[in-house]
């Protein structure tokens, strides 16, 4: 499987002046030697040369761990390459083909490949930010607090600049399972079954182990967090605030921000719009962490 450059086109550099830059997408780069169709990632780069290596945003798509694709990035590559970032979007194997721990391992392996190879694309392997939407938010949060997955790939938390999970509801899996099953018992029917018990396995110990809140601790080098959520969904709001409180209790900078007048999909798809409040929160979060080096 060979990587290919798919397109290069001119974009207005609305955040850095009136000049224009070309953005290039190199797609379907294998990050593992398995030949599996989903062991690939895409890299978006500004064509404009940089005086020094650029920070990297590593993005994990959503889809309930059973669907989704690395192409589901909306405006984010455009917006972030305009701000001097390299943007990477990864695929990973899905349920039920693999177990949850293998799926998480794929994401970590992909980030490991990025750490080892992104310098060839102008990226800084010591300034990697991790983000994701929905199921991708759970995966992003988990690999940024449970260091076992990245250590297996030779990556340590010191290279992570920050974490941006977007509208996840599974940072505390036992809590969301309890909430969903309480609704089912209260209201009856199947409309309130989330399926998390099935997706994460029937072993309660695994529910705990796959929860980001379980692994938060002081002095691990966990990066700062910006947790974006839609307040119209009580579950994603409660989960974002739960993880925020656990992170803060461990002395880790964290902010949970709810954007109203939106929904689960639009919150993600609107990231990158100049007048979008969540986008402004993202830029405020990233700015001090990249240190103006890009």
Protein backbone atom coordinates (compact mmCIF):
# COMPACT_ATOMS: atom_id res chain seq x y z
CA UNK A 1 0.00 0.00 0.00
CA UNK A 2 1.59 3.24 -1.14
CA UNK A 3 0.97 6.73 0.16
CA UNK A 4 -0.12 9.25 -2.43
CA UNK A 5 -0.33 13.00 -2.66
CA UNK A 6 -3.97 13.65 -3.37
CA UNK A 7 -4.23 17.40 -3.85
CA UNK A 8 -2.61 20.75 -3.41
CA UNK A 9 -4.72 23.89 -3.52
CA UNK A 10 -4.59 27.52 -2.52
CA UNK A 11 -6.19 28.65 0.72
CA UNK A 12 -6.63 32.16 2.12
CA UNK A 13 -4.45 32.63 5.18
CA UNK A 14 -7.17 34.48 7.10
CA UNK A 15 -5.46 34.24 10.47
CA UNK A 16 -1.96 35.26 9.44
CA UNK A 17 -2.63 37.99 6.85
CA UNK A 18 -3.80 38.33 3.27
CA UNK A 19 -1.22 36.00 1.74
CA UNK A 20 -2.24 32.59 0.42
CA UNK A 21 -0.63 29.22 0.98
CA UNK A 22 -1.00 25.83 -0.64
CA UNK A 23 -2.17 22.94 1.49
CA UNK A 24 -1.07 19.44 0.54
CA UNK A 25 -2.65 16.14 1.56
CA UNK A 26 -0.55 12.99 1.49
CA UNK A 27 -3.01 10.16 2.05
CA UNK A 28 -3.04 6.48 2.94
CA UNK A 29 0.40 6.35 4.53
CA UNK A 30 0.87 2.96 6.21
CA UNK A 31 1.78 3.21 9.89
CA UNK A 32 2.12 -0.54 10.38
CA UNK A 33 3.58 -3.28 8.19
CA UNK A 34 0.46 -5.43 8.30
CA UNK A 35 -1.00 -4.39 4.98
CA UNK A 36 -4.36 -3.89 6.71
CA UNK A 37 -6.52 -1.36 4.86
CA UNK A 38 -7.18 0.60 8.06
CA UNK A 39 -3.56 0.82 9.23
CA UNK A 40 -3.12 4.09 7.35
CA UNK A 41 -3.11 7.81 8.08
CA UNK A 42 -3.30 11.12 6.21
CA UNK A 43 -0.94 14.07 6.63
CA UNK A 44 -1.96 17.64 5.76
CA UNK A 45 0.93 20.09 5.42
CA UNK A 46 1.28 23.76 4.49
CA UNK A 47 3.38 24.13 1.36
CA UNK A 48 4.83 27.38 2.63
CA UNK A 49 8.31 26.66 4.02
CA UNK A 50 8.82 27.08 7.75
CA UNK A 51 11.89 28.36 9.54
CA UNK A 52 11.53 25.61 12.11
CA UNK A 53 9.55 22.43 12.56
CA UNK A 54 5.81 22.78 13.02
CA UNK A 55 3.58 21.55 15.86
CA UNK A 56 1.42 18.55 15.02
CA UNK A 57 -2.28 17.88 15.61
CA UNK A 58 -2.97 14.14 15.66
CA UNK A 59 -6.72 13.53 15.11
CA UNK A 60 -8.84 10.44 15.89
CA UNK A 61 -12.20 10.11 14.15
CA UNK A 62 -15.45 9.06 15.82
CA UNK A 63 -18.07 6.54 14.79
CA UNK A 64 -18.88 4.55 17.90
CA UNK A 65 -15.69 2.45 17.55
CA UNK A 66 -17.57 0.59 14.78
CA UNK A 67 -17.54 3.06 11.89
CA UNK A 68 -15.96 6.29 10.70
CA UNK A 69 -12.99 7.29 8.61
CA UNK A 70 -9.91 9.51 8.74
CA UNK A 71 -11.42 11.68 5.99
CA UNK A 72 -14.07 12.93 8.43
CA UNK A 73 -12.11 16.03 9.41
CA UNK A 74 -14.29 18.86 8.03
CA UNK A 75 -12.50 22.24 8.36
CA UNK A 76 -9.85 21.27 10.87
CA UNK A 77 -6.91 20.58 8.48
CA UNK A 78 -7.51 23.88 6.68
CA UNK A 79 -7.81 25.88 9.88
CA UNK A 80 -4.82 24.36 11.62
CA UNK A 81 -2.41 24.27 8.68
CA UNK A 82 -3.22 27.96 8.23
CA UNK A 83 -2.03 28.45 11.78
CA UNK A 84 1.24 26.66 11.09
CA UNK A 85 0.37 23.12 12.20
CA UNK A 86 0.84 19.77 10.54
CA UNK A 87 -2.49 17.91 10.73
CA UNK A 88 -2.56 14.12 10.89
CA UNK A 89 -5.75 12.04 10.74
CA UNK A 90 -5.60 8.32 11.42
CA UNK A 91 -7.67 5.24 10.77
CA UNK A 92 -7.74 2.23 13.07
CA UNK A 93 -9.37 -1.19 13.04
CA UNK A 94 -12.93 -1.28 14.28
CA UNK A 95 -15.24 -3.35 16.46
CA UNK A 96 -16.17 -6.15 16.14
CA UNK A 97 -13.18 -7.14 13.97
CA UNK A 98 -10.84 -6.50 16.89
CA UNK A 99 -11.17 -6.13 20.64
CA UNK A 100 -11.16 -2.69 22.26
CA UNK A 101 -7.60 -3.02 23.56
CA UNK A 102 -6.38 -3.82 20.03
CA UNK A 103 -8.27 -0.85 18.64
CA UNK A 104 -6.63 1.45 21.22
CA UNK A 105 -3.29 -0.15 20.39
CA UNK A 106 -3.77 0.78 16.73
CA UNK A 107 -4.21 4.44 17.65
CA UNK A 108 -1.10 4.35 19.82
CA UNK A 109 0.87 2.64 17.04
CA UNK A 110 -0.21 5.34 14.62
CA UNK A 111 0.92 8.08 16.99
CA UNK A 112 4.18 6.19 17.46
CA UNK A 113 4.71 6.24 13.70
CA UNK A 114 4.03 9.99 13.69
CA UNK A 115 6.57 10.59 16.46
CA UNK A 116 9.22 8.66 14.54
CA UNK A 117 8.49 10.03 11.06
CA UNK A 118 6.75 13.41 11.18
CA UNK A 119 10.03 15.35 10.94
CA UNK A 120 10.23 14.22 7.30
CA UNK A 121 7.04 16.22 6.70
CA UNK A 122 8.21 19.31 8.59
CA UNK A 123 6.57 18.39 11.89
CA UNK A 124 8.02 18.59 15.38
CA UNK A 125 8.02 15.14 17.03
CA UNK A 126 8.33 16.83 20.43
CA UNK A 127 5.15 18.94 20.01
CA UNK A 128 2.27 16.59 19.28
CA UNK A 129 -1.29 17.51 20.24
CA UNK A 130 -3.95 14.80 20.34
CA UNK A 131 -7.63 15.34 19.57
CA UNK A 132 -10.68 13.35 18.62
CA UNK A 133 -14.45 13.44 18.34
CA UNK A 134 -17.00 11.18 20.05
CA UNK A 135 -15.43 7.70 20.21
CA UNK A 136 -12.25 9.43 19.12
CA UNK A 137 -12.55 11.68 22.16
CA UNK A 138 -12.46 8.65 24.47
CA UNK A 139 -9.44 7.29 22.60
CA UNK A 140 -7.63 10.63 22.69
CA UNK A 141 -8.25 11.10 26.40
CA UNK A 142 -7.23 7.55 27.26
CA UNK A 143 -3.89 7.50 25.44
CA UNK A 144 -3.06 10.89 26.98
CA UNK A 145 -3.55 9.67 30.56
CA UNK A 146 -2.82 5.91 30.42
CA UNK A 147 0.83 5.86 29.36
CA UNK A 148 1.00 2.09 28.80
CA UNK A 149 -0.23 2.33 25.21
CA UNK A 150 2.25 4.97 24.03
CA UNK A 151 5.17 3.55 26.01
CA UNK A 152 4.70 0.31 24.11
CA UNK A 153 5.39 2.35 20.95
CA UNK A 154 8.38 4.15 22.43
CA UNK A 155 6.52 7.42 23.02
CA UNK A 156 6.44 9.30 26.32
CA UNK A 157 4.09 11.97 27.59
CA UNK A 158 6.78 14.65 27.42
CA UNK A 159 6.21 14.90 23.64
CA UNK A 160 2.48 15.67 24.06
CA UNK A 161 1.58 19.34 23.98
CA UNK A 162 -2.09 18.97 24.87
CA UNK A 163 -5.27 16.92 24.45
CA UNK A 164 -8.57 18.07 22.88
CA UNK A 165 -11.39 15.50 23.26
CA UNK A 166 -14.63 16.67 21.60
CA UNK A 167 -18.04 15.58 22.92
CA UNK A 168 -17.11 12.20 24.32
CA UNK A 169 -19.40 10.37 26.75
CA UNK A 170 -17.06 7.59 27.88
CA UNK A 171 -14.29 9.10 29.99
CA UNK A 172 -15.91 7.27 32.93
CA UNK A 173 -17.41 4.13 31.39
CA UNK A 174 -18.98 2.57 34.51
CA UNK A 175 -20.80 5.85 35.15
CA UNK A 176 -22.24 6.11 31.61
CA UNK A 177 -23.30 2.45 31.67
CA UNK A 178 -25.05 3.00 34.99
CA UNK A 179 -26.75 6.13 33.64
CA UNK A 180 -27.93 4.41 30.46
CA UNK A 181 -29.23 1.33 32.23
CA UNK A 182 -30.98 3.45 34.85
CA UNK A 183 -32.83 5.22 32.02
CA UNK A 184 -33.74 1.90 30.47
CA UNK A 185 -35.15 0.63 33.76
CA UNK A 186 -36.96 3.91 34.39
CA UNK A 187 -38.53 4.37 30.97
CA UNK A 188 -38.51 0.87 29.49
CA UNK A 189 -37.84 -0.08 25.91
CA UNK A 190 -34.56 -0.10 24.03
CA UNK A 191 -34.27 3.51 22.94
CA UNK A 192 -31.95 4.37 25.83
CA UNK A 193 -29.51 1.47 25.45
CA UNK A 194 -26.13 2.92 24.50
CA UNK A 195 -24.44 -0.45 23.91
CA UNK A 196 -21.34 0.55 25.87
CA UNK A 197 -21.46 -2.62 27.95
CA UNK A 198 -21.25 -4.65 24.76
CA UNK A 199 -18.60 -2.46 23.10
CA UNK A 200 -16.28 -2.39 26.09
CA UNK A 201 -16.89 -6.01 27.08
CA UNK A 202 -18.84 -7.52 29.93
CA UNK A 203 -15.94 -7.43 32.38
CA UNK A 204 -16.46 -4.53 34.84
CA UNK A 205 -12.71 -4.35 35.41
CA UNK A 206 -12.23 -3.54 31.73
CA UNK A 207 -14.84 -0.79 31.97
CA UNK A 208 -12.71 0.78 34.68
CA UNK A 209 -9.47 0.19 32.81
CA UNK A 210 -10.74 1.78 29.57
CA UNK A 211 -11.88 4.90 31.46
CA UNK A 212 -9.59 7.92 31.28
CA UNK A 213 -10.57 9.01 34.80
CA UNK A 214 -9.04 5.81 36.19
CA UNK A 215 -5.51 6.65 35.09
CA UNK A 216 -5.23 10.33 35.99
CA UNK A 217 -2.50 10.91 38.56
CA UNK A 218 -0.03 13.59 39.56
CA UNK A 219 3.52 13.67 38.21
CA UNK A 220 2.87 11.39 35.22
CA UNK A 221 3.49 14.17 32.71
CA UNK A 222 -0.14 14.18 31.55
CA UNK A 223 -0.60 17.14 29.15
CA UNK A 224 -3.14 19.98 29.53
CA UNK A 225 -6.71 19.24 28.41
CA UNK A 226 -9.41 21.20 26.62
CA UNK A 227 -12.67 19.25 26.77
CA UNK A 228 -15.28 20.53 24.32
CA UNK A 229 -18.89 19.41 24.68
CA UNK A 230 -22.45 20.20 23.65
CA UNK A 231 -24.44 21.15 26.78
CA UNK A 232 -27.69 19.99 25.20
CA UNK A 233 -26.48 16.43 25.79
CA UNK A 234 -26.42 15.84 29.56
CA UNK A 235 -24.16 12.82 29.18
CA UNK A 236 -21.32 14.48 27.28
CA UNK A 237 -21.56 17.49 29.59
CA UNK A 238 -21.41 15.34 32.72
CA UNK A 239 -18.53 13.27 31.37
CA UNK A 240 -16.50 16.33 30.32
CA UNK A 241 -16.98 17.94 33.70
CA UNK A 242 -16.16 14.68 35.46
CA UNK A 243 -12.84 14.32 33.64
CA UNK A 244 -12.11 18.02 34.11
CA UNK A 245 -12.55 17.71 37.88
CA UNK A 246 -10.33 14.61 38.09
CA UNK A 247 -7.60 16.28 36.06
CA UNK A 248 -7.71 19.46 38.13
CA UNK A 249 -7.57 17.47 41.35
CA UNK A 250 -4.31 15.97 40.08
CA UNK A 251 -2.90 19.41 39.31
CA UNK A 252 -3.25 19.06 35.54
CA UNK A 253 -4.48 22.14 33.62
CA UNK A 254 -7.95 21.36 32.27
CA UNK A 255 -10.92 23.29 30.96
CA UNK A 256 -14.33 21.95 29.95
CA UNK A 257 -16.16 24.25 27.55
CA UNK A 258 -19.75 23.78 26.42
CA UNK A 259 -20.92 25.31 23.16
CA UNK A 260 -24.67 25.80 22.93
CA UNK A 261 -26.75 26.22 19.76
CA UNK A 262 -25.12 23.15 18.28
CA UNK A 263 -25.30 19.35 18.40
CA UNK A 264 -22.96 16.38 18.57
CA UNK A 265 -21.95 16.49 14.89
CA UNK A 266 -21.99 20.25 14.34
CA UNK A 267 -19.74 20.90 17.32
CA UNK A 268 -17.08 18.85 15.56
CA UNK A 269 -17.77 20.01 12.01
CA UNK A 270 -17.79 23.72 12.95
CA UNK A 271 -14.30 23.58 14.45
CA UNK A 272 -12.24 25.86 12.24
CA UNK A 273 -14.89 28.47 11.49
CA UNK A 274 -13.48 31.88 12.47
CA UNK A 275 -16.66 32.97 14.30
CA UNK A 276 -17.21 29.66 16.09
CA UNK A 277 -16.93 29.97 19.91
CA UNK A 278 -15.48 26.47 20.34
CA UNK A 279 -12.87 27.25 17.68
CA UNK A 280 -11.85 30.37 19.58
CA UNK A 281 -11.48 28.27 22.73
CA UNK A 282 -9.31 25.85 20.77
CA UNK A 283 -7.04 28.63 19.54
CA UNK A 284 -6.77 30.11 23.04
CA UNK A 285 -5.80 26.68 24.33
CA UNK A 286 -3.23 25.94 21.63
CA UNK A 287 -1.59 29.37 21.48
CA UNK A 288 0.33 29.37 24.78
CA UNK A 289 1.20 25.69 24.47
CA UNK A 290 2.95 26.01 21.10
CA UNK A 291 4.76 29.03 22.52
CA UNK A 292 4.57 31.08 19.38
CA UNK A 293 7.24 28.86 17.81
CA UNK A 294 5.41 28.07 14.62
